């Protein structure tokens, strides 16, 4: 009887651990990669910038690029949750923060400095 209980418990934990690996990406794993971000309603019109984000010890580092692919700034800090990232950087002479909220596997929404709405899309590698 003890063996049956032990095997039942072992089977249960095996099934539960398998289900844990089937979850969608969250946190640093979700946000790593290249993101095309559209800043809506800037004084000079809608503006597109790119974030190149990579994992670094359960966090994120990277750079911000303009629409031509030229580096504008290094990312100074990132605050992560399972479904959002707040990215801190300097651009156009200002210290800025951009909040990216997970919308689906390849899209984010959010805002820049709690003032301008953003929409973002993961840039997929072409082969």
Protein backbone atom coordinates (compact mmCIF):
# COMPACT_ATOMS: atom_id res chain seq x y z
CA UNK A 1 0.00 0.00 0.00
CA UNK A 2 2.86 2.39 0.80
CA UNK A 3 4.38 1.71 -2.61
CA UNK A 4 1.08 2.53 -4.32
CA UNK A 5 0.82 5.86 -2.46
CA UNK A 6 4.44 6.66 -3.22
CA UNK A 7 3.99 5.88 -6.93
CA UNK A 8 0.77 7.91 -7.07
CA UNK A 9 2.53 10.91 -5.52
CA UNK A 10 5.50 10.50 -7.84
CA UNK A 11 3.23 10.34 -10.89
CA UNK A 12 1.33 13.42 -9.72
CA UNK A 13 4.52 15.48 -9.31
CA UNK A 14 5.83 14.28 -12.66
CA UNK A 15 2.66 15.43 -14.41
CA UNK A 16 2.70 18.79 -12.60
CA UNK A 17 6.34 19.46 -13.48
CA UNK A 18 5.65 18.67 -17.14
CA UNK A 19 2.81 21.20 -17.18
CA UNK A 20 5.09 23.89 -15.75
CA UNK A 21 7.40 23.68 -18.76
CA UNK A 22 4.48 24.21 -21.16
CA UNK A 23 3.79 27.77 -19.99
CA UNK A 24 4.22 30.80 -22.22
CA UNK A 25 7.30 32.99 -21.88
CA UNK A 26 7.23 35.52 -19.06
CA UNK A 27 9.48 38.19 -17.62
CA UNK A 28 12.98 38.45 -19.06
CA UNK A 29 12.43 35.56 -21.50
CA UNK A 30 9.37 37.24 -23.01
CA UNK A 31 10.90 40.69 -23.46
CA UNK A 32 14.29 39.68 -24.90
CA UNK A 33 14.77 40.35 -28.60
CA UNK A 34 14.22 43.30 -30.91
CA UNK A 35 11.08 45.38 -30.50
CA UNK A 36 9.68 47.98 -32.89
CA UNK A 37 7.92 50.61 -30.77
CA UNK A 38 5.58 53.27 -32.18
CA UNK A 39 5.39 56.38 -29.98
CA UNK A 40 2.00 57.98 -30.68
CA UNK A 41 1.34 61.71 -30.57
CA UNK A 42 4.81 63.19 -30.16
CA UNK A 43 5.13 66.90 -31.05
CA UNK A 44 6.81 65.87 -34.33
CA UNK A 45 4.20 63.18 -35.09
CA UNK A 46 4.26 59.45 -34.50
CA UNK A 47 7.82 58.19 -34.05
CA UNK A 48 9.25 54.69 -34.36
CA UNK A 49 12.18 53.51 -32.23
CA UNK A 50 13.67 50.07 -31.65
CA UNK A 51 14.68 48.32 -28.45
CA UNK A 52 17.30 45.55 -28.62
CA UNK A 53 16.90 43.68 -25.35
CA UNK A 54 18.93 40.74 -24.06
CA UNK A 55 18.96 38.70 -20.86
CA UNK A 56 21.50 39.47 -18.17
CA UNK A 57 21.24 37.55 -14.89
CA UNK A 58 17.40 37.41 -14.70
CA UNK A 59 17.16 40.99 -15.93
CA UNK A 60 17.44 42.80 -19.23
CA UNK A 61 20.06 45.06 -20.79
CA UNK A 62 20.28 46.54 -24.25
CA UNK A 63 20.18 49.60 -26.46
CA UNK A 64 17.65 51.96 -28.01
CA UNK A 65 17.92 52.65 -31.74
CA UNK A 66 16.28 55.25 -33.95
CA UNK A 67 14.35 54.33 -37.12
CA UNK A 68 17.60 54.12 -39.14
CA UNK A 69 19.14 51.55 -36.77
CA UNK A 70 21.60 53.98 -35.19
CA UNK A 71 22.17 53.51 -31.46
CA UNK A 72 20.61 56.39 -29.50
CA UNK A 73 21.18 55.24 -25.95
CA UNK A 74 22.05 52.35 -23.70
CA UNK A 75 19.31 51.12 -21.42
CA UNK A 76 20.20 52.18 -17.89
CA UNK A 77 17.71 50.04 -15.97
CA UNK A 78 14.81 47.61 -16.46
CA UNK A 79 12.14 46.71 -13.93
CA UNK A 80 10.47 43.39 -14.78
CA UNK A 81 7.29 41.59 -13.81
CA UNK A 82 5.81 38.52 -15.47
CA UNK A 83 3.72 40.67 -17.85
CA UNK A 84 5.43 44.06 -18.04
CA UNK A 85 8.79 45.78 -18.33
CA UNK A 86 9.65 49.37 -17.47
CA UNK A 87 12.69 50.41 -19.50
CA UNK A 88 14.77 53.44 -18.43
CA UNK A 89 16.96 55.25 -20.97
CA UNK A 90 18.13 58.71 -22.07
CA UNK A 91 17.08 60.14 -25.44
CA UNK A 92 16.59 63.58 -26.97
CA UNK A 93 18.26 65.08 -23.88
CA UNK A 94 15.76 63.59 -21.41
CA UNK A 95 15.79 60.72 -18.92
CA UNK A 96 12.80 58.62 -20.03
CA UNK A 97 10.94 55.49 -19.02
CA UNK A 98 8.81 53.33 -21.25
CA UNK A 99 6.32 50.80 -19.92
CA UNK A 100 5.77 47.72 -22.08
CA UNK A 101 2.75 45.56 -21.15
CA UNK A 102 2.42 42.11 -22.70
CA UNK A 103 -0.55 42.00 -25.09
CA UNK A 104 0.10 38.63 -26.76
CA UNK A 105 3.14 36.59 -27.80
CA UNK A 106 4.52 39.26 -30.16
CA UNK A 107 2.83 42.55 -29.21
CA UNK A 108 3.02 45.06 -26.37
CA UNK A 109 1.12 48.19 -25.40
CA UNK A 110 1.99 50.82 -22.84
CA UNK A 111 3.20 54.37 -22.52
CA UNK A 112 6.21 56.65 -22.50
CA UNK A 113 6.51 58.71 -19.29
CA UNK A 114 2.82 58.05 -18.56
CA UNK A 115 2.05 60.59 -21.29
CA UNK A 116 2.36 59.06 -24.76
CA UNK A 117 0.73 55.79 -25.77
CA UNK A 118 2.89 53.15 -27.41
CA UNK A 119 2.30 50.06 -29.50
CA UNK A 120 5.07 47.56 -30.03
CA UNK A 121 5.75 44.51 -32.11
CA UNK A 122 8.50 41.92 -31.85
CA UNK A 123 10.82 42.10 -34.88
CA UNK A 124 11.22 38.57 -36.17
CA UNK A 125 14.41 37.47 -37.88
CA UNK A 126 14.09 36.93 -41.60
CA UNK A 127 16.03 34.14 -43.21
